[in-house]
Amino acid sequence: MAGTNRWDHELIFELVDPCSSVLDLGCGDGELLARLIAEKQVRGQAVEADHKQVSSALQKGVAVYEGDLNRGLPEFNSKSFDYVILEKTLQVLRRPMLVLEEMLRIGSKCMVSFPNFNYRGVVEKLLKTGRMPVTDGLPYQWHDTPNIHLFTLYDFIDWITDHRVEIIEGFASRASGHRPLVLPADSTGAEEVLFLLKR
């Protein structure tokens, strides 16, 4: 969201090479891609499902169209982008495996960030209260959450291993800031995770 301190935005901005091509999936209001275009001269394209967010992104000068990622991305050729980005969106998709496969097909490198549902702050709240946790990273009540796939860091690593995907880099976030991913500590110590991947 505009005006907020997004650790994953800052990290992705650092990782993306200048003058590269970027496809941002579920771009929201286009803040990240607009910054990459303005400051790193990337060639950017975005896809977003929410009509209001599409309008906001267009006002920022981002080339975006309204589309449902769950239908796949047949309009994009294989290896047509240097980077494909999916931030904090995987857990809300109906067909997350399809979207991951499409990302790896389209992009030379892919960046995926997501909340780690095994983060100790979440698990401890669940055990202590007996209720679905509401945190800064997961600010929804059980009845209005968009999160339909609850998975952990190790669940995602299992998928990576099973599908012969290479981890270029991994990062963990807790409270503020980020650092390189450390296992096994970050299985419970990382509130959110970002991976840079390739096939």
Protein backbone atom coordinates (compact mmCIF):
# COMPACT_ATOMS: atom_id res chain seq x y z
CA MET A 1 0.00 0.00 0.00
CA ALA A 2 1.18 3.49 -0.73
CA GLY A 3 2.94 5.22 2.11
CA THR A 4 3.67 2.05 4.07
CA ASN A 5 7.07 0.55 4.81
CA ARG A 6 7.10 -2.69 2.83
CA TRP A 7 10.20 -4.76 3.51
CA ASP A 8 9.53 -6.90 0.44
CA HIS A 9 9.22 -3.80 -1.78
CA GLU A 10 12.59 -2.55 -0.57
CA LEU A 11 14.25 -5.93 -1.05
CA ILE A 12 12.79 -6.51 -4.51
CA PHE A 13 13.91 -3.02 -5.52
CA GLU A 14 17.46 -3.94 -4.44
CA LEU A 15 17.42 -7.29 -6.27
CA VAL A 16 16.06 -6.18 -9.66
CA ASP A 17 18.74 -5.20 -12.17
CA PRO A 18 18.47 -1.80 -13.88
CA CYS A 19 16.99 -1.79 -17.41
CA SER A 20 15.59 -5.31 -17.01
CA SER A 21 12.07 -6.47 -17.86
CA VAL A 22 9.62 -7.08 -15.00
CA LEU A 23 6.17 -8.68 -14.85
CA ASP A 24 4.40 -7.86 -11.56
CA LEU A 25 1.51 -10.23 -10.79
CA GLY A 26 -1.11 -8.95 -8.37
CA CYS A 27 0.58 -5.56 -8.45
CA GLY A 28 -1.95 -3.80 -6.22
CA ASP A 29 -1.81 -0.06 -6.78
CA GLY A 30 1.39 -0.36 -8.83
CA GLU A 31 3.63 1.39 -6.30
CA LEU A 32 6.56 -1.02 -6.63
CA LEU A 33 6.57 -1.26 -10.42
CA ALA A 34 6.15 2.50 -10.80
CA ARG A 35 9.24 3.00 -8.65
CA LEU A 36 11.23 0.40 -10.60
CA ILE A 37 10.28 2.10 -13.87
CA ALA A 38 11.16 5.58 -12.61
CA GLU A 39 14.36 4.79 -10.72
CA LYS A 40 15.77 1.69 -12.44
CA GLN A 41 14.37 2.19 -15.96
CA VAL A 42 12.85 -1.30 -16.07
CA ARG A 43 10.40 -2.28 -18.80
CA GLY A 44 7.35 -3.15 -16.74
CA GLN A 45 4.02 -4.92 -17.20
CA ALA A 46 1.51 -5.82 -14.50
CA VAL A 47 -1.61 -7.90 -13.93
CA GLU A 48 -4.15 -7.12 -11.19
CA ALA A 49 -7.63 -8.50 -10.46
CA ASP A 50 -9.06 -5.57 -8.49
CA HIS A 51 -10.56 -2.85 -10.70
CA LYS A 52 -9.83 0.00 -8.26
CA GLN A 53 -6.22 -1.08 -7.90
CA VAL A 54 -5.87 -1.27 -11.69
CA SER A 55 -7.08 2.35 -11.91
CA SER A 56 -4.57 3.43 -9.25
CA ALA A 57 -1.72 1.66 -11.05
CA LEU A 58 -2.68 3.24 -14.38
CA GLN A 59 -2.61 6.67 -12.75
CA LYS A 60 0.98 5.95 -11.70
CA GLY A 61 1.89 5.24 -15.32
CA VAL A 62 2.10 1.45 -14.93
CA ALA A 63 1.10 -0.71 -17.91
CA VAL A 64 -1.43 -2.98 -16.19
CA TYR A 65 -4.46 -4.95 -17.22
CA GLU A 66 -7.27 -6.46 -15.20
CA GLY A 67 -6.94 -10.24 -15.16
CA ASP A 68 -7.44 -13.38 -13.07
CA LEU A 69 -4.15 -15.16 -12.38
CA ASN A 70 -6.03 -18.39 -11.63
CA ARG A 71 -6.68 -18.76 -15.36
CA GLY A 72 -2.98 -18.87 -16.16
CA LEU A 73 -1.01 -16.46 -18.33
CA PRO A 74 -1.09 -17.87 -21.88
CA GLU A 75 -0.69 -14.37 -23.35
CA PHE A 76 2.95 -14.27 -22.20
CA ASN A 77 5.68 -16.15 -24.07
CA SER A 78 8.14 -18.37 -22.26
CA LYS A 79 11.18 -16.52 -20.87
CA SER A 80 9.76 -13.20 -22.05
CA PHE A 81 10.66 -11.36 -18.81
CA ASP A 82 13.83 -11.16 -16.75
CA TYR A 83 11.80 -11.16 -13.53
CA VAL A 84 8.29 -12.22 -12.55
CA ILE A 85 7.12 -10.99 -9.13
CA LEU A 86 4.35 -12.30 -6.88
CA GLU A 87 4.17 -10.51 -3.52
CA LYS A 88 2.01 -11.81 -0.66
CA THR A 89 -0.51 -13.18 -3.15
CA LEU A 90 0.20 -16.92 -3.38
CA GLN A 91 -1.93 -17.75 -0.34
CA VAL A 92 -5.03 -16.02 -1.76
CA LEU A 93 -4.99 -17.75 -5.16
CA ARG A 94 -7.36 -20.61 -5.96
CA ARG A 95 -4.71 -22.26 -8.18
CA PRO A 96 -1.34 -21.39 -6.64
CA MET A 97 0.54 -24.26 -8.30
CA LEU A 98 -0.59 -23.16 -11.76
CA VAL A 99 0.56 -19.60 -11.08
CA LEU A 100 3.97 -20.75 -9.81
CA GLU A 101 4.49 -22.89 -12.91
CA GLU A 102 3.49 -20.00 -15.15
CA MET A 103 5.91 -17.69 -13.36
CA LEU A 104 8.79 -20.11 -13.86
CA ARG A 105 7.84 -20.51 -17.53
CA ILE A 106 7.63 -16.78 -18.23
CA GLY A 107 10.49 -15.43 -16.13
CA SER A 108 14.21 -16.09 -16.13
CA LYS A 109 14.00 -15.38 -12.38
CA CYS A 110 10.98 -15.30 -10.09
CA MET A 111 10.39 -13.59 -6.76
CA VAL A 112 7.73 -14.95 -4.40
CA SER A 113 6.92 -13.57 -0.96
CA PHE A 114 4.36 -14.97 1.49
CA PRO A 115 3.45 -15.11 5.18
CA ASN A 116 4.87 -18.09 7.07
CA PHE A 117 1.93 -19.61 8.94
CA ASN A 118 4.35 -21.49 11.23
CA TYR A 119 5.79 -18.24 12.60
CA ARG A 120 5.96 -18.64 16.38
CA GLY A 121 4.08 -15.39 17.01
CA VAL A 122 1.12 -16.76 15.05
CA VAL A 123 1.27 -20.29 16.50
CA GLU A 124 1.60 -19.03 20.08
CA LYS A 125 -1.42 -16.75 19.69
CA LEU A 126 -3.45 -19.62 18.30
CA LEU A 127 -2.46 -21.92 21.17
CA LYS A 128 -2.95 -19.24 23.84
CA THR A 129 -6.33 -17.90 22.72
CA GLY A 130 -7.82 -20.81 20.80
CA ARG A 131 -8.76 -18.32 18.08
CA MET A 132 -7.35 -17.57 14.66
CA PRO A 133 -4.56 -15.04 15.22
CA VAL A 134 -4.84 -11.43 14.09
CA THR A 135 -1.41 -9.82 13.69
CA ASP A 136 0.16 -6.92 11.81
CA GLY A 137 1.11 -9.38 9.06
CA LEU A 138 -2.25 -11.20 9.14
CA PRO A 139 -4.71 -8.42 9.98
CA TYR A 140 -7.93 -10.27 9.15
CA GLN A 141 -10.64 -11.98 11.17
CA TRP A 142 -11.33 -15.62 10.29
CA HIS A 143 -14.51 -14.70 8.40
CA ASP A 144 -13.07 -12.01 6.13
CA THR A 145 -9.55 -13.24 5.41
CA PRO A 146 -8.54 -13.55 1.76
CA ASN A 147 -6.03 -16.26 2.74
CA ILE A 148 -7.39 -19.59 1.52
CA HIS A 149 -4.15 -21.64 1.46
CA LEU A 150 -2.34 -21.69 4.79
CA PHE A 151 1.18 -23.03 4.31
CA THR A 152 4.55 -22.85 5.97
CA LEU A 153 8.12 -22.15 4.91
CA TYR A 154 8.84 -25.90 4.84
CA ASP A 155 5.70 -26.60 2.79
CA PHE A 156 7.03 -24.21 0.15
CA ILE A 157 10.52 -25.71 0.28
CA ASP A 158 8.95 -29.17 -0.24
CA TRP A 159 7.29 -27.84 -3.40
CA ILE A 160 10.59 -26.35 -4.59
CA THR A 161 12.37 -29.67 -4.06
CA ASP A 162 9.65 -31.76 -5.71
CA HIS A 163 9.58 -29.52 -8.80
CA ARG A 164 13.35 -29.12 -9.22
CA VAL A 165 13.29 -25.38 -8.73
CA GLU A 166 16.54 -23.66 -7.75
CA ILE A 167 16.67 -21.23 -4.85
CA ILE A 168 18.99 -18.37 -5.80
CA GLU A 169 18.44 -16.50 -2.53
CA GLY A 170 16.04 -16.62 0.41
CA PHE A 171 15.18 -13.88 2.90
CA ALA A 172 13.27 -13.71 6.17
CA SER A 173 11.39 -10.82 7.75
CA ARG A 174 10.35 -10.34 11.35
CA ALA A 175 9.04 -7.11 12.85
CA SER A 176 11.04 -4.69 10.65
CA GLY A 177 13.72 -5.26 8.08
CA HIS A 178 15.01 -8.45 6.50
CA ARG A 179 18.00 -10.77 6.50
CA PRO A 180 19.17 -13.90 4.68
CA LEU A 181 17.06 -16.96 5.45
CA VAL A 182 18.50 -19.31 8.10
CA LEU A 183 17.18 -22.85 8.52
CA PRO A 184 15.94 -24.46 10.67
CA ALA A 185 15.59 -21.34 12.87
CA ASP A 186 13.39 -19.47 10.40
CA SER A 187 10.85 -22.27 10.24
CA THR A 188 9.35 -20.56 13.29
CA GLY A 189 11.39 -17.32 13.36
CA ALA A 190 10.38 -15.81 10.00
CA GLU A 191 7.08 -13.96 9.92
CA GLU A 192 7.31 -13.53 6.15
CA VAL A 193 9.59 -15.03 3.53
CA LEU A 194 10.84 -13.98 0.09
CA PHE A 195 12.52 -16.32 -2.39
CA LEU A 196 14.37 -15.54 -5.59
CA LEU A 197 13.96 -18.65 -7.78
CA LYS A 198 14.74 -20.02 -11.20
CA ARG A 199 14.23 -23.22 -13.14
